[in-house]
Amino acid sequence: MANSDRVKVRIPAKAKKGEIIEIKTQISHDMETGQRKDAAGKTIPRHIITRFTCTWNNEPVISADWHQAVSANPFSSFFALASASGKIKLSWFDENGEVFEYVHDITVE
């Protein structure tokens, strides 16, 4: 799913070559640990995002494996070196096989 409405991202539209830019992301996700119970006392099944990746023109920028200790609606902030214009792709993978993606075009001058 490209540019999921569950994702909030802050990435500049332009950067100077060699500039270090900050990329901020947040995804709306319950990150259910499988340890809580519902009102009827039944265990709520585990459902978490297990992996987050960022690529710039298909080159890896960051990759993180997430576990059940990550909070609901996880926020990430990291830095990348602006080297070339192109596409920054952010991907979140949950353990049910669902993938949330966001693609951002950036111009490097």
N, C-alpha and C. Protein backbone atom coordinates (compact mmCIF):
# COMPACT_ATOMS: atom_id res chain seq x y z
N MET A 1 0.85 -1.17 0.00
CA MET A 1 0.00 0.00 0.00
C MET A 1 0.90 1.23 0.00
N ALA A 2 0.91 2.00 -1.07
CA ALA A 2 1.77 3.18 -1.17
C ALA A 2 1.12 4.37 -0.46
N ASN A 3 1.93 5.17 0.19
CA ASN A 3 1.51 6.37 0.91
C ASN A 3 0.26 6.13 1.76
N SER A 4 0.40 5.19 2.65
CA SER A 4 -0.67 4.81 3.57
C SER A 4 -1.15 6.02 4.37
N ASP A 5 -2.46 6.09 4.60
CA ASP A 5 -3.01 7.18 5.41
C ASP A 5 -2.73 6.97 6.90
N ARG A 6 -2.12 5.85 7.24
CA ARG A 6 -1.76 5.57 8.64
C ARG A 6 -0.39 6.15 8.99
N VAL A 7 0.27 6.75 8.00
CA VAL A 7 1.65 7.20 8.16
C VAL A 7 1.73 8.72 8.13
N LYS A 8 2.52 9.27 9.06
CA LYS A 8 2.85 10.70 9.05
C LYS A 8 4.36 10.79 8.84
N VAL A 9 4.77 11.64 7.91
CA VAL A 9 6.19 11.74 7.58
C VAL A 9 6.57 13.21 7.42
N ARG A 10 7.76 13.55 7.89
CA ARG A 10 8.31 14.88 7.65
C ARG A 10 9.70 14.70 7.04
N ILE A 11 9.78 15.03 5.75
CA ILE A 11 11.03 14.97 4.99
C ILE A 11 11.07 16.22 4.13
N PRO A 12 12.21 16.91 4.04
CA PRO A 12 12.25 18.09 3.18
C PRO A 12 12.06 17.72 1.71
N ALA A 13 11.49 18.65 0.94
CA ALA A 13 11.30 18.44 -0.50
C ALA A 13 12.60 18.65 -1.26
N LYS A 14 13.47 19.52 -0.70
CA LYS A 14 14.75 19.83 -1.35
C LYS A 14 15.87 19.79 -0.32
N ALA A 15 17.07 19.49 -0.81
CA ALA A 15 18.26 19.51 0.04
C ALA A 15 19.46 19.83 -0.85
N LYS A 16 20.51 20.34 -0.23
CA LYS A 16 21.76 20.57 -0.96
C LYS A 16 22.59 19.30 -0.93
N LYS A 17 23.31 19.05 -2.00
CA LYS A 17 24.17 17.86 -2.06
C LYS A 17 25.15 17.91 -0.89
N GLY A 18 25.24 16.81 -0.15
CA GLY A 18 26.12 16.71 1.00
C GLY A 18 25.48 17.14 2.31
N GLU A 19 24.28 17.69 2.24
CA GLU A 19 23.56 18.12 3.45
C GLU A 19 23.03 16.89 4.19
N ILE A 20 23.03 16.98 5.50
CA ILE A 20 22.44 15.93 6.32
C ILE A 20 21.03 16.37 6.66
N ILE A 21 20.05 15.54 6.28
CA ILE A 21 18.65 15.87 6.52
C ILE A 21 18.08 14.95 7.60
N GLU A 22 17.08 15.47 8.29
CA GLU A 22 16.38 14.66 9.29
C GLU A 22 15.09 14.12 8.68
N ILE A 23 14.83 12.85 8.92
CA ILE A 23 13.62 12.19 8.46
C ILE A 23 12.85 11.78 9.71
N LYS A 24 11.59 12.23 9.81
CA LYS A 24 10.75 11.90 10.96
C LYS A 24 9.54 11.12 10.47
N THR A 25 9.22 10.04 11.16
CA THR A 25 8.09 9.20 10.76
C THR A 25 7.27 8.79 11.98
N GLN A 26 5.99 8.60 11.75
CA GLN A 26 5.12 8.00 12.76
C GLN A 26 4.04 7.21 12.04
N ILE A 27 3.76 6.03 12.53
CA ILE A 27 2.72 5.19 11.96
C ILE A 27 1.66 4.90 13.02
N SER A 28 0.42 4.96 12.61
CA SER A 28 -0.69 4.65 13.51
C SER A 28 -0.87 3.12 13.55
N HIS A 29 -0.50 2.53 14.69
CA HIS A 29 -0.58 1.08 14.84
C HIS A 29 -0.67 0.76 16.33
N ASP A 30 -1.57 -0.16 16.70
CA ASP A 30 -1.77 -0.49 18.11
C ASP A 30 -0.58 -1.17 18.77
N MET A 31 0.23 -1.88 17.98
CA MET A 31 1.37 -2.62 18.54
C MET A 31 0.91 -3.48 19.72
N GLU A 32 -0.09 -4.29 19.48
CA GLU A 32 -0.68 -5.14 20.52
C GLU A 32 0.30 -6.26 20.89
N THR A 33 0.64 -6.36 22.18
CA THR A 33 1.69 -7.29 22.64
C THR A 33 1.23 -8.73 22.81
N GLY A 34 -0.08 -8.94 22.87
CA GLY A 34 -0.59 -10.29 23.11
C GLY A 34 -0.67 -10.63 24.59
N GLN A 35 -0.46 -9.64 25.44
CA GLN A 35 -0.49 -9.88 26.88
C GLN A 35 -1.68 -9.22 27.57
N ARG A 36 -2.43 -8.40 26.82
CA ARG A 36 -3.61 -7.75 27.41
C ARG A 36 -4.85 -8.61 27.21
N LYS A 37 -5.85 -8.34 28.02
CA LYS A 37 -7.13 -9.05 27.90
C LYS A 37 -8.22 -8.03 27.56
N ASP A 38 -9.22 -8.50 26.82
CA ASP A 38 -10.35 -7.63 26.50
C ASP A 38 -11.35 -7.63 27.66
N ALA A 39 -12.49 -6.95 27.49
CA ALA A 39 -13.48 -6.82 28.56
C ALA A 39 -14.04 -8.18 29.01
N ALA A 40 -14.02 -9.16 28.11
CA ALA A 40 -14.53 -10.49 28.44
C ALA A 40 -13.46 -11.39 29.06
N GLY A 41 -12.25 -10.86 29.22
CA GLY A 41 -11.17 -11.64 29.81
C GLY A 41 -10.39 -12.48 28.81
N LYS A 42 -10.69 -12.32 27.54
CA LYS A 42 -10.01 -13.06 26.48
C LYS A 42 -8.73 -12.34 26.07
N THR A 43 -7.67 -13.09 25.85
CA THR A 43 -6.40 -12.49 25.44
C THR A 43 -6.52 -11.86 24.06
N ILE A 44 -6.06 -10.61 23.95
CA ILE A 44 -6.04 -9.93 22.65
C ILE A 44 -4.81 -10.43 21.91
N PRO A 45 -4.97 -10.95 20.70
CA PRO A 45 -3.83 -11.53 19.98
C PRO A 45 -2.73 -10.50 19.70
N ARG A 46 -1.50 -10.98 19.71
CA ARG A 46 -0.36 -10.13 19.40
C ARG A 46 -0.46 -9.66 17.95
N HIS A 47 -0.15 -8.39 17.73
CA HIS A 47 -0.14 -7.82 16.38
C HIS A 47 0.79 -6.61 16.42
N ILE A 48 2.03 -6.82 15.97
CA ILE A 48 3.03 -5.75 16.03
C ILE A 48 3.71 -5.56 14.68
N ILE A 49 4.30 -4.38 14.52
CA ILE A 49 5.19 -4.13 13.39
C ILE A 49 6.53 -4.73 13.78
N THR A 50 7.10 -5.54 12.91
CA THR A 50 8.34 -6.23 13.24
C THR A 50 9.56 -5.66 12.54
N ARG A 51 9.34 -4.84 11.51
CA ARG A 51 10.50 -4.32 10.76
C ARG A 51 10.16 -2.97 10.15
N PHE A 52 11.15 -2.07 10.18
CA PHE A 52 11.05 -0.76 9.53
C PHE A 52 12.28 -0.58 8.66
N THR A 53 12.09 -0.11 7.43
CA THR A 53 13.23 0.16 6.54
C THR A 53 13.04 1.50 5.84
N CYS A 54 14.17 2.08 5.47
CA CYS A 54 14.18 3.29 4.65
C CYS A 54 15.25 3.10 3.58
N THR A 55 14.87 3.39 2.33
CA THR A 55 15.84 3.37 1.24
C THR A 55 15.80 4.71 0.52
N TRP A 56 16.93 5.06 -0.09
CA TRP A 56 17.04 6.27 -0.91
C TRP A 56 17.52 5.79 -2.26
N ASN A 57 16.67 5.90 -3.27
CA ASN A 57 16.97 5.36 -4.60
C ASN A 57 17.40 3.90 -4.51
N ASN A 58 16.65 3.14 -3.74
CA ASN A 58 16.86 1.70 -3.53
C ASN A 58 18.13 1.34 -2.77
N GLU A 59 18.84 2.32 -2.25
CA GLU A 59 20.01 2.07 -1.40
C GLU A 59 19.58 2.16 0.06
N PRO A 60 19.95 1.18 0.90
CA PRO A 60 19.51 1.21 2.30
C PRO A 60 20.04 2.41 3.08
N VAL A 61 19.16 3.03 3.86
CA VAL A 61 19.52 4.12 4.76
C VAL A 61 19.49 3.60 6.19
N ILE A 62 18.41 2.90 6.53
CA ILE A 62 18.26 2.35 7.88
C ILE A 62 17.34 1.13 7.81
N SER A 63 17.60 0.19 8.70
CA SER A 63 16.75 -0.98 8.84
C SER A 63 16.70 -1.32 10.32
N ALA A 64 15.49 -1.52 10.82
CA ALA A 64 15.34 -1.80 12.25
C ALA A 64 14.35 -2.94 12.47
N ASP A 65 14.73 -3.88 13.33
CA ASP A 65 13.82 -4.94 13.74
C ASP A 65 13.16 -4.49 15.03
N TRP A 66 11.84 -4.51 15.05
CA TRP A 66 11.08 -4.07 16.21
C TRP A 66 10.48 -5.27 16.92
N HIS A 67 10.29 -5.12 18.24
CA HIS A 67 9.74 -6.18 19.06
C HIS A 67 8.56 -5.64 19.86
N GLN A 68 7.98 -6.47 20.70
CA GLN A 68 6.76 -6.08 21.39
C GLN A 68 6.93 -4.93 22.37
N ALA A 69 8.13 -4.57 22.72
CA ALA A 69 8.35 -3.46 23.65
C ALA A 69 8.22 -2.10 22.98
N VAL A 70 8.09 -2.05 21.66
CA VAL A 70 7.91 -0.78 20.95
C VAL A 70 6.49 -0.29 21.20
N SER A 71 6.36 1.00 21.52
CA SER A 71 5.06 1.55 21.88
C SER A 71 4.09 1.60 20.70
N ALA A 72 2.82 1.80 21.04
CA ALA A 72 1.80 2.02 20.00
C ALA A 72 2.13 3.30 19.25
N ASN A 73 1.76 3.36 17.98
CA ASN A 73 1.99 4.53 17.13
C ASN A 73 3.47 4.94 17.15
N PRO A 74 4.37 4.03 16.80
CA PRO A 74 5.80 4.30 16.93
C PRO A 74 6.28 5.47 16.08
N PHE A 75 7.14 6.28 16.70
CA PHE A 75 7.78 7.44 16.08
C PHE A 75 9.24 7.12 15.87
N SER A 76 9.76 7.49 14.71
CA SER A 76 11.19 7.32 14.42
C SER A 76 11.75 8.62 13.87
N SER A 77 12.97 8.91 14.24
CA SER A 77 13.68 10.08 13.71
C SER A 77 15.11 9.65 13.45
N PHE A 78 15.60 9.96 12.26
CA PHE A 78 16.98 9.60 11.91
C PHE A 78 17.48 10.57 10.85
N PHE A 79 18.76 10.48 10.56
CA PHE A 79 19.40 11.41 9.62
C PHE A 79 19.94 10.66 8.42
N ALA A 80 19.97 11.36 7.28
CA ALA A 80 20.49 10.77 6.04
C ALA A 80 21.28 11.84 5.29
N LEU A 81 22.27 11.39 4.55
CA LEU A 81 23.10 12.28 3.74
C LEU A 81 22.45 12.45 2.37
N ALA A 82 22.17 13.69 1.99
CA ALA A 82 21.56 13.97 0.68
C ALA A 82 22.63 13.83 -0.40
N SER A 83 22.47 12.80 -1.21
CA SER A 83 23.49 12.53 -2.23
C SER A 83 22.97 12.69 -3.65
N ALA A 84 21.68 12.41 -3.88
CA ALA A 84 21.13 12.50 -5.24
C ALA A 84 19.62 12.66 -5.16
N SER A 85 19.07 13.34 -6.15
CA SER A 85 17.61 13.45 -6.25
C SER A 85 17.03 12.06 -6.47
N GLY A 86 15.79 11.89 -6.06
CA GLY A 86 15.15 10.59 -6.28
C GLY A 86 14.06 10.32 -5.28
N LYS A 87 13.91 9.04 -4.96
CA LYS A 87 12.82 8.59 -4.10
C LYS A 87 13.34 8.04 -2.77
N ILE A 88 12.72 8.52 -1.70
CA ILE A 88 12.95 7.96 -0.38
C ILE A 88 11.74 7.08 -0.09
N LYS A 89 11.98 5.81 0.21
CA LYS A 89 10.89 4.86 0.46
C LYS A 89 10.98 4.36 1.89
N LEU A 90 9.89 4.53 2.62
CA LEU A 90 9.78 4.06 3.99
C LEU A 90 8.82 2.88 4.00
N SER A 91 9.18 1.80 4.69
CA SER A 91 8.34 0.60 4.73
C SER A 91 8.26 0.06 6.15
N TRP A 92 7.04 -0.29 6.56
CA TRP A 92 6.78 -0.93 7.84
C TRP A 92 6.14 -2.28 7.56
N PHE A 93 6.64 -3.32 8.18
CA PHE A 93 6.15 -4.69 7.95
C PHE A 93 5.59 -5.22 9.26
N ASP A 94 4.33 -5.69 9.24
CA ASP A 94 3.81 -6.28 10.47
C ASP A 94 3.82 -7.80 10.38
N GLU A 95 3.62 -8.44 11.51
CA GLU A 95 3.76 -9.89 11.56
C GLU A 95 2.61 -10.64 10.90
N ASN A 96 1.59 -9.92 10.45
CA ASN A 96 0.49 -10.54 9.72
C ASN A 96 0.69 -10.45 8.21
N GLY A 97 1.86 -9.95 7.80
CA GLY A 97 2.17 -9.86 6.38
C GLY A 97 1.76 -8.55 5.72
N GLU A 98 1.19 -7.64 6.49
CA GLU A 98 0.78 -6.36 5.92
C GLU A 98 1.99 -5.43 5.83
N VAL A 99 2.06 -4.67 4.74
CA VAL A 99 3.15 -3.73 4.52
C VAL A 99 2.55 -2.34 4.33
N PHE A 100 3.09 -1.38 5.07
CA PHE A 100 2.68 0.01 4.93
C PHE A 100 3.87 0.74 4.32
N GLU A 101 3.61 1.50 3.26
CA GLU A 101 4.71 2.18 2.58
C GLU A 101 4.40 3.65 2.37
N TYR A 102 5.47 4.43 2.32
CA TYR A 102 5.38 5.85 2.00
C TYR A 102 6.56 6.16 1.09
N VAL A 103 6.28 6.81 -0.04
CA VAL A 103 7.33 7.18 -0.99
C VAL A 103 7.34 8.69 -1.11
N HIS A 104 8.53 9.27 -1.02
CA HIS A 104 8.71 10.73 -1.04
C HIS A 104 9.74 11.09 -2.10
N ASP A 105 9.40 12.03 -2.96
CA ASP A 105 10.36 12.53 -3.95
C ASP A 105 11.15 13.67 -3.34
N ILE A 106 12.48 13.63 -3.52
CA ILE A 106 13.34 14.68 -3.01
C ILE A 106 14.25 15.17 -4.12
N THR A 107 14.46 16.49 -4.15
CA THR A 107 15.36 17.10 -5.12
C THR A 107 16.63 17.51 -4.40
N VAL A 108 17.76 17.03 -4.89
CA VAL A 108 19.06 17.38 -4.33
C VAL A 108 19.76 18.27 -5.34
N GLU A 109 20.14 19.47 -4.90
CA GLU A 109 20.77 20.45 -5.80
C GLU A 109 22.24 20.61 -5.52
